[in-house]
Amino acid sequence: MRLGTEARLSALTNAERARRWLLVADDPRWDDSGLSGAERGRVKLRRVAWLAELRERGELLDTAAAVLALGVRAELAERGWDHQWPAAPETAVSGRWPGARSSGWPERIGANLPASLVEQVRAACWHSSPIAELRAFRDAFPGLLTGRRLREYNELSARVVTPGDIWRAGYQRVLWPDQGDAETR
């Protein structure tokens, strides 16, 4: 992630946690005083489900996952990728993708995203990037590339979009909304 992402994310999620506390405290549905243990448990389950719905709709951004999911869904929609895709091959799960150019980001942030969103991003990236063409190109020209061949490879690799690109764009949309798609390290 770009430098400053952790600080902005922390400021946003801390403010949203405080807002969550007020949302719960001000809503009589969540007052469990005087209730039995079983009744308190039922109230808690309803409250947890309600908060999860707020996060899913992007109305509560109290976790890194909620922030990232909101931004990623917006990024997918803007790219026209917000639909079902054929599954990406198992080789797309980890490691560096063919043609991937980005590396060396100064911050790393983990987020527990829904598996369906992770799979959608992975499949969209895989099927929208010229992975097969890059592999065929490198098979045809396995050595050091120069001149025209290097330009051809660079043109192909410039069209590769990795899941990491989408995760960074998701945070960018929410944490730096006024800066568009500027990718700064």
Protein backbone atom coordinates (compact mmCIF):
# COMPACT_ATOMS: atom_id res chain seq x y z
CA MET A 1 0.00 0.00 0.00
CA ARG A 2 1.08 3.56 -0.49
CA LEU A 3 2.73 5.37 2.38
CA GLY A 4 0.12 6.81 4.72
CA THR A 5 -2.52 4.15 4.09
CA GLU A 6 -2.22 2.64 7.56
CA ALA A 7 -2.56 6.03 9.26
CA ARG A 8 -5.58 7.06 7.19
CA LEU A 9 -7.20 3.67 7.63
CA SER A 10 -6.65 3.79 11.39
CA ALA A 11 -8.12 7.28 11.66
CA LEU A 12 -11.19 6.28 9.64
CA THR A 13 -11.85 2.98 11.41
CA ASN A 14 -11.33 4.54 14.87
CA ALA A 15 -13.84 7.29 14.06
CA GLU A 16 -16.26 4.70 12.69
CA ARG A 17 -15.89 2.53 15.81
CA ALA A 18 -16.83 5.53 17.93
CA ARG A 19 -19.82 6.14 15.65
CA ARG A 20 -20.77 2.45 15.91
CA TRP A 21 -20.76 2.72 19.69
CA LEU A 22 -23.14 5.70 19.46
CA LEU A 23 -25.38 3.92 16.94
CA VAL A 24 -25.75 0.99 19.29
CA ALA A 25 -26.05 3.06 22.48
CA ASP A 26 -28.72 5.35 21.01
CA ASP A 27 -30.91 2.56 19.63
CA PRO A 28 -33.39 1.07 22.12
CA ARG A 29 -33.42 -2.23 20.19
CA TRP A 30 -29.99 -3.03 21.62
CA ASP A 31 -30.72 -2.23 25.28
CA ASP A 32 -30.40 -5.59 26.98
CA SER A 33 -30.55 -4.40 30.58
CA GLY A 34 -32.94 -6.45 32.66
CA LEU A 35 -33.03 -9.30 30.15
CA SER A 36 -32.19 -12.92 30.85
CA GLY A 37 -28.97 -14.40 29.52
CA ALA A 38 -30.80 -16.12 26.66
CA GLU A 39 -32.62 -12.90 25.73
CA ARG A 40 -29.35 -10.93 25.85
CA GLY A 41 -27.83 -13.52 23.51
CA ARG A 42 -30.68 -13.07 21.02
CA VAL A 43 -30.33 -9.27 21.16
CA LYS A 44 -26.60 -9.60 20.57
CA LEU A 45 -27.13 -11.88 17.55
CA ARG A 46 -29.58 -9.38 16.01
CA ARG A 47 -27.20 -6.48 16.74
CA VAL A 48 -24.23 -8.28 15.19
CA ALA A 49 -26.32 -9.09 12.08
CA TRP A 50 -27.50 -5.46 11.83
CA LEU A 51 -23.93 -4.15 12.06
CA ALA A 52 -22.83 -6.66 9.40
CA GLU A 53 -25.60 -5.38 7.10
CA LEU A 54 -24.41 -1.80 7.63
CA ARG A 55 -20.87 -2.84 6.72
CA GLU A 56 -22.07 -4.77 3.66
CA ARG A 57 -23.91 -1.66 2.40
CA GLY A 58 -20.85 0.52 3.04
CA GLU A 59 -22.65 2.48 5.75
CA LEU A 60 -20.28 1.45 8.56
CA LEU A 61 -16.53 1.41 7.92
CA ASP A 62 -15.23 0.31 11.30
CA THR A 63 -12.90 -2.42 10.01
CA ALA A 64 -10.22 -2.63 7.34
CA ALA A 65 -12.33 -5.27 5.60
CA ALA A 66 -15.38 -2.97 5.44
CA VAL A 67 -13.28 -0.13 4.01
CA LEU A 68 -11.58 -2.36 1.46
CA ALA A 69 -14.79 -4.14 0.39
CA LEU A 70 -16.51 -0.81 -0.26
CA GLY A 71 -13.61 0.46 -2.36
CA VAL A 72 -13.11 -2.81 -4.24
CA ARG A 73 -16.79 -3.10 -5.16
CA ALA A 74 -16.68 0.46 -6.52
CA GLU A 75 -13.49 -0.31 -8.46
CA LEU A 76 -15.01 -3.46 -9.96
CA ALA A 77 -18.15 -1.54 -10.94
CA GLU A 78 -16.17 1.23 -12.62
CA ARG A 79 -14.19 -1.31 -14.64
CA GLY A 80 -17.38 -3.17 -15.62
CA TRP A 81 -16.10 -6.21 -13.72
CA ASP A 82 -18.93 -6.40 -11.17
CA HIS A 83 -20.39 -9.66 -12.50
CA GLN A 84 -19.74 -13.39 -12.33
CA TRP A 85 -16.57 -14.65 -13.98
CA PRO A 86 -15.32 -18.12 -14.82
CA ALA A 87 -13.09 -19.27 -11.99
CA ALA A 88 -9.44 -18.34 -12.25
CA PRO A 89 -7.07 -21.31 -12.49
CA GLU A 90 -5.47 -22.53 -9.28
CA THR A 91 -2.15 -21.13 -10.48
CA ALA A 92 -3.64 -17.65 -10.04
CA VAL A 93 -3.93 -18.09 -6.29
CA SER A 94 -0.53 -16.95 -5.13
CA GLY A 95 2.81 -15.74 -6.28
CA ARG A 96 3.77 -13.18 -8.85
CA TRP A 97 1.63 -13.04 -11.96
CA PRO A 98 3.20 -13.09 -15.43
CA GLY A 99 3.83 -9.52 -16.52
CA ALA A 100 3.21 -8.05 -13.07
CA ARG A 101 5.20 -4.84 -12.71
CA SER A 102 4.27 -3.41 -9.34
CA SER A 103 6.33 -4.23 -6.27
CA GLY A 104 8.00 -2.60 -3.33
CA TRP A 105 5.04 -0.92 -1.67
CA PRO A 106 5.98 0.57 1.72
CA GLU A 107 2.96 -0.64 3.73
CA ARG A 108 1.04 -3.91 3.97
CA ILE A 109 -2.46 -4.22 5.36
CA GLY A 110 -4.43 -7.40 5.89
CA ALA A 111 -8.20 -7.58 5.68
CA ASN A 112 -10.57 -10.53 6.00
CA LEU A 113 -12.69 -10.07 2.90
CA PRO A 114 -15.56 -12.35 1.93
CA ALA A 115 -14.21 -15.29 -0.07
CA SER A 116 -16.69 -14.56 -2.86
CA LEU A 117 -15.25 -11.05 -3.32
CA VAL A 118 -11.67 -12.34 -3.31
CA GLU A 119 -12.56 -14.98 -5.92
CA GLN A 120 -14.39 -12.40 -8.05
CA VAL A 121 -11.38 -10.08 -8.02
CA ARG A 122 -8.95 -12.89 -8.81
CA ALA A 123 -11.12 -14.18 -11.69
CA ALA A 124 -11.77 -10.71 -13.10
CA CYS A 125 -8.07 -9.87 -13.08
CA TRP A 126 -7.07 -13.18 -14.60
CA HIS A 127 -9.63 -13.13 -17.40
CA SER A 128 -9.08 -9.43 -18.18
CA SER A 129 -5.29 -9.66 -18.38
CA PRO A 130 -3.27 -11.08 -21.29
CA ILE A 131 -1.78 -13.90 -19.21
CA ALA A 132 -1.97 -16.55 -21.95
CA GLU A 133 -0.45 -14.16 -24.48
CA LEU A 134 2.41 -13.31 -22.11
CA ARG A 135 3.16 -16.96 -21.46
CA ALA A 136 3.11 -17.74 -25.18
CA PHE A 137 5.36 -14.75 -25.84
CA ARG A 138 7.91 -15.83 -23.23
CA ASP A 139 7.80 -19.41 -24.54
CA ALA A 140 8.52 -18.09 -28.03
CA PHE A 141 11.22 -15.66 -26.80
CA PRO A 142 12.71 -17.10 -23.58
CA GLY A 143 15.96 -15.15 -23.55
CA LEU A 144 16.88 -11.56 -22.85
CA LEU A 145 14.51 -9.21 -24.66
CA THR A 146 15.72 -6.12 -26.48
CA GLY A 147 14.38 -3.66 -29.01
CA ARG A 148 11.08 -4.54 -30.64
CA ARG A 149 10.57 -7.73 -28.59
CA LEU A 150 11.05 -5.83 -25.35
CA ARG A 151 8.53 -3.20 -26.48
CA GLU A 152 6.03 -5.95 -27.38
CA TYR A 153 6.50 -7.57 -23.98
CA ASN A 154 6.13 -4.23 -22.19
CA GLU A 155 2.92 -3.50 -24.10
CA LEU A 156 1.46 -6.86 -23.09
CA SER A 157 2.59 -6.62 -19.47
CA ALA A 158 1.20 -3.08 -19.14
CA ARG A 159 -2.26 -4.61 -19.63
CA VAL A 160 -1.91 -7.00 -16.67
CA VAL A 161 -4.11 -6.08 -13.71
CA THR A 162 -3.33 -8.03 -10.54
CA PRO A 163 -5.51 -8.49 -7.47
CA GLY A 164 -2.99 -6.29 -5.62
CA ASP A 165 -3.74 -3.50 -8.09
CA ILE A 166 -7.44 -3.82 -7.23
CA TRP A 167 -6.83 -3.92 -3.46
CA ARG A 168 -4.71 -0.76 -3.68
CA ALA A 169 -7.31 0.94 -5.88
CA GLY A 170 -10.01 -0.01 -3.36
CA TYR A 171 -8.20 1.65 -0.48
CA GLN A 172 -7.35 4.61 -2.74
CA ARG A 173 -11.04 5.19 -3.53
CA VAL A 174 -12.06 5.32 0.12
CA LEU A 175 -9.01 6.85 1.80
CA TRP A 176 -7.99 9.34 -0.92
CA PRO A 177 -11.28 9.95 -2.78
CA ASP A 178 -10.18 13.34 -4.10
CA GLN A 179 -7.07 11.96 -5.82
CA GLY A 180 -8.70 9.69 -8.40
CA ASP A 181 -6.57 6.78 -9.48
CA ALA A 182 -3.23 8.40 -8.65
CA GLU A 183 -0.90 5.59 -7.63
CA THR A 184 1.66 7.03 -5.24
CA ARG A 185 4.18 5.05 -3.21
